[in-house]
């Protein structure tokens, strides 16, 4: 099942989204949402993102609903359309790209691997270590040390 944020999940004072098991109203019906692999957690929201969320209309209990207040089942297709308009290959555009970008940006901004593991809902460090490996290659290029030893 998709991640369905509701307004009651978001604490605008602390800038935290609670990822939890819950019942979600979708039009006339109520469905149960269970986080992937029961990965219950609290995710920090940057101040600028929180400001954008606060400007959204509250037409239903769902944060990103359709115009009628139901769960948006076509959100991923809309993301792929935007990717294609940006000149990206929409066939290679995957949800994990968002997670990978989030993870590497967090590491670049000073998150520890433990922080990243918790924010992404992983149980062990091994699940996030590959993001640090990618960062090491970037550090080698940035430092100039990638050129050492070739002469």
N, C-alpha and C. Protein backbone atom coordinates (compact mmCIF):
# COMPACT_ATOMS: atom_id res chain seq x y z
N UNK A 1 0.84 -1.18 0.00
CA UNK A 1 0.00 0.00 0.00
C UNK A 1 0.88 1.24 0.00
N UNK A 2 0.40 2.28 -0.59
CA UNK A 2 1.13 3.54 -0.68
C UNK A 2 1.20 4.25 0.67
N UNK A 3 2.21 5.07 0.81
CA UNK A 3 2.32 5.91 2.00
C UNK A 3 1.28 7.01 1.88
N UNK A 4 0.38 7.10 2.84
CA UNK A 4 -0.71 8.06 2.78
C UNK A 4 -0.61 9.01 3.97
N UNK A 5 0.02 10.17 3.78
CA UNK A 5 0.08 11.11 4.90
C UNK A 5 -1.27 11.79 5.12
N UNK A 6 -1.67 11.87 6.36
CA UNK A 6 -2.88 12.60 6.72
C UNK A 6 -2.47 13.80 7.57
N UNK A 7 -3.37 14.77 7.67
CA UNK A 7 -3.05 15.98 8.42
C UNK A 7 -2.79 15.67 9.89
N UNK A 8 -3.40 14.63 10.43
CA UNK A 8 -3.17 14.29 11.84
C UNK A 8 -1.78 13.68 12.06
N UNK A 9 -1.08 13.29 10.97
CA UNK A 9 0.28 12.75 11.07
C UNK A 9 1.32 13.86 11.23
N UNK A 10 0.95 15.07 10.87
CA UNK A 10 1.92 16.17 10.80
C UNK A 10 1.79 17.07 12.03
N UNK A 11 2.90 17.24 12.73
CA UNK A 11 2.94 18.16 13.86
C UNK A 11 3.64 19.43 13.36
N UNK A 12 2.88 20.48 13.12
CA UNK A 12 3.45 21.71 12.55
C UNK A 12 4.33 22.46 13.55
N UNK A 13 4.20 22.18 14.82
CA UNK A 13 5.04 22.83 15.82
C UNK A 13 6.44 22.24 15.84
N UNK A 14 6.53 20.91 15.81
CA UNK A 14 7.83 20.24 15.87
C UNK A 14 8.39 19.90 14.50
N UNK A 15 7.58 20.07 13.44
CA UNK A 15 7.97 19.72 12.07
C UNK A 15 8.28 18.24 11.95
N UNK A 16 7.39 17.42 12.45
CA UNK A 16 7.56 15.96 12.43
C UNK A 16 6.35 15.32 11.77
N UNK A 17 6.61 14.33 10.89
CA UNK A 17 5.55 13.48 10.36
C UNK A 17 5.66 12.14 11.07
N UNK A 18 4.57 11.68 11.64
CA UNK A 18 4.53 10.38 12.30
C UNK A 18 4.08 9.33 11.28
N UNK A 19 4.96 8.39 10.98
CA UNK A 19 4.63 7.28 10.10
C UNK A 19 4.15 6.16 11.01
N UNK A 20 2.86 5.82 10.89
CA UNK A 20 2.26 4.89 11.83
C UNK A 20 1.13 4.11 11.17
N UNK A 21 0.70 3.07 11.83
CA UNK A 21 -0.48 2.33 11.39
C UNK A 21 -1.70 3.20 11.70
N UNK A 22 -2.66 3.23 10.76
CA UNK A 22 -3.83 4.09 10.99
C UNK A 22 -4.94 3.71 10.02
N UNK A 23 -6.11 4.23 10.32
CA UNK A 23 -7.23 4.13 9.40
C UNK A 23 -7.32 5.44 8.64
N UNK A 24 -7.53 5.35 7.32
CA UNK A 24 -7.58 6.52 6.46
C UNK A 24 -8.93 6.55 5.76
N UNK A 25 -9.60 7.69 5.82
CA UNK A 25 -10.88 7.85 5.14
C UNK A 25 -10.61 8.18 3.68
N UNK A 26 -11.19 7.39 2.79
CA UNK A 26 -11.05 7.58 1.35
C UNK A 26 -12.44 7.67 0.76
N UNK A 27 -12.93 8.90 0.64
CA UNK A 27 -14.31 9.07 0.18
C UNK A 27 -15.27 8.52 1.22
N UNK A 28 -16.11 7.58 0.81
CA UNK A 28 -17.09 6.98 1.71
C UNK A 28 -16.55 5.78 2.49
N UNK A 29 -15.37 5.34 2.16
CA UNK A 29 -14.85 4.14 2.83
C UNK A 29 -13.64 4.46 3.69
N UNK A 30 -13.34 3.59 4.61
CA UNK A 30 -12.18 3.72 5.48
C UNK A 30 -11.28 2.53 5.21
N UNK A 31 -9.98 2.80 4.99
CA UNK A 31 -9.03 1.73 4.74
C UNK A 31 -7.93 1.78 5.79
N UNK A 32 -7.28 0.64 5.98
CA UNK A 32 -6.18 0.58 6.94
C UNK A 32 -4.86 0.80 6.20
N UNK A 33 -4.03 1.67 6.73
CA UNK A 33 -2.69 1.90 6.21
C UNK A 33 -1.70 1.32 7.21
N UNK A 34 -0.77 0.50 6.71
CA UNK A 34 0.30 -0.06 7.53
C UNK A 34 1.61 0.29 6.84
N UNK A 35 2.54 0.96 7.53
CA UNK A 35 3.82 1.31 6.90
C UNK A 35 4.54 0.06 6.40
N UNK A 36 5.28 0.24 5.31
CA UNK A 36 6.05 -0.85 4.72
C UNK A 36 6.92 -1.51 5.78
N UNK A 37 6.84 -2.81 5.89
CA UNK A 37 7.61 -3.60 6.85
C UNK A 37 7.42 -3.11 8.29
N UNK A 38 6.25 -2.54 8.57
CA UNK A 38 5.94 -2.02 9.91
C UNK A 38 6.98 -1.03 10.40
N UNK A 39 7.51 -0.23 9.49
CA UNK A 39 8.56 0.72 9.82
C UNK A 39 7.96 1.99 10.42
N UNK A 40 7.52 1.90 11.67
CA UNK A 40 6.97 3.05 12.38
C UNK A 40 8.11 3.98 12.74
N UNK A 41 7.91 5.29 12.49
CA UNK A 41 8.99 6.24 12.76
C UNK A 41 8.48 7.67 12.73
N UNK A 42 9.35 8.58 13.12
CA UNK A 42 9.08 10.01 13.05
C UNK A 42 10.08 10.60 12.06
N UNK A 43 9.56 11.35 11.08
CA UNK A 43 10.41 11.93 10.04
C UNK A 43 10.39 13.44 10.17
N UNK A 44 11.58 14.04 10.22
CA UNK A 44 11.71 15.48 10.34
C UNK A 44 11.38 16.16 9.01
N UNK A 45 10.68 17.28 9.07
CA UNK A 45 10.30 18.04 7.88
C UNK A 45 11.08 19.35 7.87
N UNK A 46 11.81 19.66 6.79
CA UNK A 46 12.50 20.95 6.72
C UNK A 46 11.52 22.11 6.82
N UNK A 47 11.97 23.22 7.34
CA UNK A 47 11.12 24.39 7.55
C UNK A 47 10.43 24.87 6.27
N UNK A 48 11.18 24.89 5.15
CA UNK A 48 10.58 25.37 3.90
C UNK A 48 9.49 24.42 3.40
N UNK A 49 9.68 23.12 3.60
CA UNK A 49 8.65 22.15 3.20
C UNK A 49 7.43 22.29 4.11
N UNK A 50 7.66 22.50 5.41
CA UNK A 50 6.55 22.69 6.33
C UNK A 50 5.72 23.91 5.93
N UNK A 51 6.40 24.99 5.53
CA UNK A 51 5.68 26.20 5.10
C UNK A 51 4.81 25.92 3.87
N UNK A 52 5.32 25.12 2.94
CA UNK A 52 4.53 24.77 1.75
C UNK A 52 3.33 23.89 2.13
N UNK A 53 3.55 22.95 3.05
CA UNK A 53 2.45 22.08 3.48
C UNK A 53 1.34 22.89 4.15
N UNK A 54 1.73 23.87 4.96
CA UNK A 54 0.73 24.68 5.66
C UNK A 54 -0.14 25.50 4.71
N UNK A 55 0.34 25.75 3.50
CA UNK A 55 -0.42 26.51 2.51
C UNK A 55 -1.41 25.65 1.73
N UNK A 56 -1.27 24.32 1.83
CA UNK A 56 -2.18 23.44 1.09
C UNK A 56 -3.59 23.51 1.64
N UNK A 57 -4.60 23.41 0.78
CA UNK A 57 -5.98 23.39 1.27
C UNK A 57 -6.28 22.07 1.98
N UNK A 58 -7.05 22.13 3.01
CA UNK A 58 -7.43 20.94 3.78
C UNK A 58 -8.82 20.48 3.33
N UNK A 59 -8.88 19.90 2.12
CA UNK A 59 -10.19 19.48 1.61
C UNK A 59 -10.58 18.08 2.09
N UNK A 60 -9.63 17.38 2.69
CA UNK A 60 -9.92 16.06 3.26
C UNK A 60 -8.89 15.79 4.35
N UNK A 61 -8.95 14.59 4.92
CA UNK A 61 -7.96 14.24 5.94
C UNK A 61 -6.62 13.85 5.32
N UNK A 62 -6.59 13.68 3.99
CA UNK A 62 -5.38 13.28 3.28
C UNK A 62 -4.62 14.54 2.86
N UNK A 63 -3.29 14.52 3.00
CA UNK A 63 -2.49 15.69 2.68
C UNK A 63 -2.46 15.98 1.19
N UNK A 64 -2.33 14.95 0.34
CA UNK A 64 -2.28 15.13 -1.11
C UNK A 64 -3.43 14.37 -1.76
N UNK A 65 -4.66 14.88 -1.62
CA UNK A 65 -5.82 14.17 -2.18
C UNK A 65 -6.09 14.57 -3.65
N UNK A 66 -7.03 13.88 -4.24
CA UNK A 66 -7.55 14.32 -5.54
C UNK A 66 -8.44 15.53 -5.29
N UNK A 67 -8.98 16.11 -6.35
CA UNK A 67 -9.88 17.27 -6.20
C UNK A 67 -11.14 16.95 -5.41
N UNK A 68 -11.50 15.67 -5.36
CA UNK A 68 -12.70 15.27 -4.62
C UNK A 68 -12.38 14.78 -3.21
N UNK A 69 -11.10 14.88 -2.80
CA UNK A 69 -10.73 14.50 -1.44
C UNK A 69 -10.38 13.03 -1.25
N UNK A 70 -10.29 12.27 -2.34
CA UNK A 70 -9.97 10.85 -2.25
C UNK A 70 -8.47 10.62 -2.36
N UNK A 71 -8.01 9.40 -2.10
CA UNK A 71 -6.60 9.05 -2.25
C UNK A 71 -6.22 9.16 -3.72
N UNK A 72 -5.12 9.87 -4.01
CA UNK A 72 -4.68 10.08 -5.38
C UNK A 72 -3.92 8.84 -5.87
N UNK A 73 -4.56 8.04 -6.71
CA UNK A 73 -3.96 6.82 -7.24
C UNK A 73 -3.07 7.08 -8.45
N UNK A 74 -3.07 8.32 -8.96
CA UNK A 74 -2.32 8.63 -10.17
C UNK A 74 -1.14 9.56 -9.91
N UNK A 75 -0.77 9.72 -8.66
CA UNK A 75 0.31 10.64 -8.31
C UNK A 75 1.63 10.23 -8.97
N UNK A 76 1.91 8.94 -9.02
CA UNK A 76 3.16 8.48 -9.61
C UNK A 76 3.19 8.78 -11.11
N UNK A 77 2.06 8.59 -11.79
CA UNK A 77 2.00 8.91 -13.22
C UNK A 77 2.25 10.40 -13.44
N UNK A 78 1.76 11.24 -12.54
CA UNK A 78 1.99 12.68 -12.64
C UNK A 78 3.47 13.01 -12.46
N UNK A 79 4.14 12.31 -11.54
CA UNK A 79 5.59 12.51 -11.34
C UNK A 79 6.36 12.13 -12.61
N UNK A 80 5.97 11.04 -13.25
CA UNK A 80 6.65 10.60 -14.47
C UNK A 80 6.42 11.61 -15.61
N UNK A 81 5.25 12.20 -15.67
CA UNK A 81 4.97 13.23 -16.68
C UNK A 81 5.87 14.43 -16.46
N UNK A 82 6.03 14.84 -15.22
CA UNK A 82 6.91 15.96 -14.89
C UNK A 82 8.36 15.62 -15.26
N UNK A 83 8.78 14.38 -14.97
CA UNK A 83 10.14 13.94 -15.32
C UNK A 83 10.36 14.02 -16.83
N UNK A 84 9.39 13.57 -17.60
CA UNK A 84 9.51 13.62 -19.06
C UNK A 84 9.59 15.06 -19.55
N UNK A 85 8.78 15.96 -18.97
CA UNK A 85 8.82 17.37 -19.36
C UNK A 85 10.17 18.01 -19.01
N UNK A 86 10.84 17.46 -17.98
CA UNK A 86 12.15 17.98 -17.58
C UNK A 86 13.28 17.37 -18.41
N UNK A 87 12.91 16.51 -19.37
CA UNK A 87 13.92 15.92 -20.25
C UNK A 87 14.53 14.65 -19.71
N UNK A 88 13.96 14.08 -18.66
CA UNK A 88 14.46 12.83 -18.10
C UNK A 88 13.76 11.65 -18.77
N UNK A 89 14.41 10.51 -18.76
CA UNK A 89 13.80 9.29 -19.30
C UNK A 89 12.80 8.77 -18.27
N UNK A 90 11.52 8.98 -18.52
CA UNK A 90 10.47 8.62 -17.56
C UNK A 90 10.44 7.12 -17.28
N UNK A 91 10.91 6.29 -18.22
CA UNK A 91 10.94 4.84 -18.00
C UNK A 91 11.97 4.45 -16.94
N UNK A 92 13.00 5.29 -16.76
CA UNK A 92 14.03 5.01 -15.76
C UNK A 92 13.77 5.75 -14.45
N UNK A 93 12.72 6.53 -14.42
CA UNK A 93 12.37 7.34 -13.25
C UNK A 93 11.59 6.45 -12.28
N UNK A 94 12.16 6.16 -11.12
CA UNK A 94 11.57 5.22 -10.17
C UNK A 94 11.38 5.88 -8.80
N UNK A 95 10.44 5.38 -7.99
CA UNK A 95 10.24 5.95 -6.64
C UNK A 95 11.52 5.93 -5.80
N UNK A 96 12.35 4.92 -5.98
CA UNK A 96 13.58 4.85 -5.19
C UNK A 96 14.51 6.01 -5.47
N UNK A 97 14.36 6.66 -6.65
CA UNK A 97 15.17 7.83 -6.95
C UNK A 97 14.94 8.94 -5.92
N UNK A 98 13.69 9.12 -5.52
CA UNK A 98 13.38 10.12 -4.50
C UNK A 98 14.06 9.78 -3.18
N UNK A 99 13.99 8.50 -2.80
CA UNK A 99 14.62 8.07 -1.55
C UNK A 99 16.13 8.24 -1.61
N UNK A 100 16.73 7.88 -2.74
CA UNK A 100 18.18 8.00 -2.88
C UNK A 100 18.62 9.46 -2.82
N UNK A 101 17.89 10.32 -3.49
CA UNK A 101 18.21 11.75 -3.46
C UNK A 101 18.06 12.30 -2.05
N UNK A 102 16.97 11.93 -1.39
CA UNK A 102 16.75 12.35 -0.01
C UNK A 102 17.93 11.91 0.86
N UNK A 103 18.32 10.64 0.74
CA UNK A 103 19.37 10.09 1.59
C UNK A 103 20.71 10.79 1.36
N UNK A 104 21.12 10.92 0.10
CA UNK A 104 22.42 11.55 -0.14
C UNK A 104 22.41 13.03 0.23
N UNK A 105 21.31 13.71 0.00
CA UNK A 105 21.23 15.12 0.42
C UNK A 105 21.31 15.25 1.92
N UNK A 106 20.70 14.35 2.66
CA UNK A 106 20.78 14.39 4.12
C UNK A 106 22.21 14.17 4.57
N UNK A 107 22.91 13.21 3.98
CA UNK A 107 24.31 12.97 4.35
C UNK A 107 25.17 14.18 4.02
N UNK A 108 24.93 14.80 2.88
CA UNK A 108 25.69 15.99 2.50
C UNK A 108 25.47 17.13 3.50
N UNK A 109 24.29 17.18 4.09
CA UNK A 109 23.98 18.28 5.01
C UNK A 109 24.33 17.95 6.46
N UNK A 110 24.97 16.80 6.70
CA UNK A 110 25.48 16.53 8.04
C UNK A 110 24.78 15.44 8.83
N UNK A 111 23.77 14.80 8.27
CA UNK A 111 23.14 13.69 9.00
C UNK A 111 24.16 12.58 9.21
N UNK A 112 24.05 11.88 10.31
CA UNK A 112 24.86 10.69 10.52
C UNK A 112 24.14 9.51 9.87
N UNK A 113 24.85 8.41 9.71
CA UNK A 113 24.20 7.21 9.17
C UNK A 113 23.08 6.73 10.08
N UNK A 114 23.27 6.90 11.39
CA UNK A 114 22.22 6.49 12.34
C UNK A 114 20.97 7.36 12.17
N UNK A 115 21.16 8.67 12.00
CA UNK A 115 20.02 9.57 11.74
C UNK A 115 19.30 9.15 10.47
N UNK A 116 20.09 8.92 9.42
CA UNK A 116 19.51 8.55 8.13
C UNK A 116 18.74 7.23 8.23
N UNK A 117 19.32 6.26 8.91
CA UNK A 117 18.65 4.97 9.09
C UNK A 117 17.29 5.17 9.75
N UNK A 118 17.24 5.96 10.80
CA UNK A 118 15.99 6.20 11.51
C UNK A 118 14.97 6.94 10.66
N UNK A 119 15.41 7.97 9.94
CA UNK A 119 14.50 8.77 9.12
C UNK A 119 13.92 7.96 7.96
N UNK A 120 14.71 7.02 7.43
CA UNK A 120 14.26 6.23 6.30
C UNK A 120 13.53 4.95 6.72
N UNK A 121 13.56 4.65 8.02
CA UNK A 121 12.81 3.50 8.51
C UNK A 121 13.51 2.17 8.35
N UNK A 122 14.84 2.19 8.26
CA UNK A 122 15.59 0.93 8.17
C UNK A 122 15.91 0.41 9.57
N UNK A 123 16.08 -0.88 9.66
CA UNK A 123 16.37 -1.48 10.97
C UNK A 123 17.86 -1.57 11.27
N UNK A 124 18.69 -1.67 10.22
CA UNK A 124 20.12 -1.82 10.47
C UNK A 124 20.93 -0.84 9.62
N UNK A 125 22.17 -0.65 10.01
CA UNK A 125 23.06 0.30 9.33
C UNK A 125 23.42 -0.16 7.93
N UNK A 126 23.46 -1.47 7.72
CA UNK A 126 23.84 -2.01 6.41
C UNK A 126 22.93 -1.46 5.31
N UNK A 127 21.69 -1.21 5.65
CA UNK A 127 20.72 -0.73 4.66
C UNK A 127 21.01 0.67 4.14
N UNK A 128 21.78 1.46 4.88
CA UNK A 128 22.07 2.84 4.45
C UNK A 128 23.55 3.07 4.14
N UNK A 129 24.39 2.07 4.38
CA UNK A 129 25.83 2.27 4.16
C UNK A 129 26.18 2.57 2.71
N UNK A 130 25.39 2.05 1.75
CA UNK A 130 25.72 2.29 0.34
C UNK A 130 25.60 3.78 -0.02
N UNK A 131 24.79 4.53 0.73
CA UNK A 131 24.72 5.97 0.48
C UNK A 131 26.03 6.64 0.88
N UNK A 132 26.63 6.17 1.95
CA UNK A 132 27.92 6.71 2.39
C UNK A 132 29.02 6.35 1.38
N UNK A 133 28.94 5.17 0.78
CA UNK A 133 29.92 4.77 -0.23
C UNK A 133 29.90 5.74 -1.41
N UNK A 134 28.71 6.12 -1.85
CA UNK A 134 28.59 7.07 -2.95
C UNK A 134 29.20 8.42 -2.56
N UNK A 135 29.02 8.80 -1.31
CA UNK A 135 29.56 10.08 -0.84
C UNK A 135 31.09 10.04 -0.82
N UNK A 136 31.69 8.89 -0.50
CA UNK A 136 33.16 8.79 -0.47
C UNK A 136 33.75 9.07 -1.84
N UNK A 137 33.12 8.56 -2.89
CA UNK A 137 33.61 8.82 -4.26
C UNK A 137 33.52 10.31 -4.57
N UNK A 138 32.44 10.95 -4.18
CA UNK A 138 32.31 12.40 -4.40
C UNK A 138 33.40 13.15 -3.64
N UNK A 139 33.68 12.72 -2.41
CA UNK A 139 34.72 13.38 -1.60
C UNK A 139 36.10 13.25 -2.26
N UNK A 140 36.38 12.09 -2.85
CA UNK A 140 37.67 11.91 -3.53
C UNK A 140 37.82 12.87 -4.69
N UNK A 141 36.79 13.03 -5.48
CA UNK A 141 36.84 13.94 -6.62
C UNK A 141 36.98 15.38 -6.14
N UNK A 142 36.16 15.75 -5.15
CA UNK A 142 36.17 17.12 -4.64
C UNK A 142 37.53 17.49 -4.02
N UNK A 143 38.15 16.56 -3.33
CA UNK A 143 39.42 16.85 -2.66
C UNK A 143 40.60 16.87 -3.62
N UNK A 144 40.42 16.31 -4.81
CA UNK A 144 41.53 16.23 -5.76
C UNK A 144 42.36 14.98 -5.58
N UNK A 145 42.12 14.22 -4.52
CA UNK A 145 42.90 13.02 -4.25
C UNK A 145 42.64 11.91 -5.27
N UNK A 146 41.59 12.03 -6.05
CA UNK A 146 41.31 11.01 -7.06
C UNK A 146 42.41 10.97 -8.11
N UNK A 147 43.14 12.07 -8.30
CA UNK A 147 44.20 12.15 -9.28
C UNK A 147 45.54 11.65 -8.74
N UNK A 148 45.66 11.47 -7.41
CA UNK A 148 46.92 11.07 -6.81
C UNK A 148 47.28 9.64 -7.22
N UNK A 149 48.59 9.42 -7.45
CA UNK A 149 49.10 8.08 -7.71
C UNK A 149 49.03 7.64 -9.15
N UNK A 150 48.60 8.51 -10.05
CA UNK A 150 48.51 8.14 -11.46
C UNK A 150 49.73 8.58 -12.27
N UNK A 151 50.69 9.27 -11.62
CA UNK A 151 51.84 9.74 -12.38
C UNK A 151 53.05 8.88 -12.20
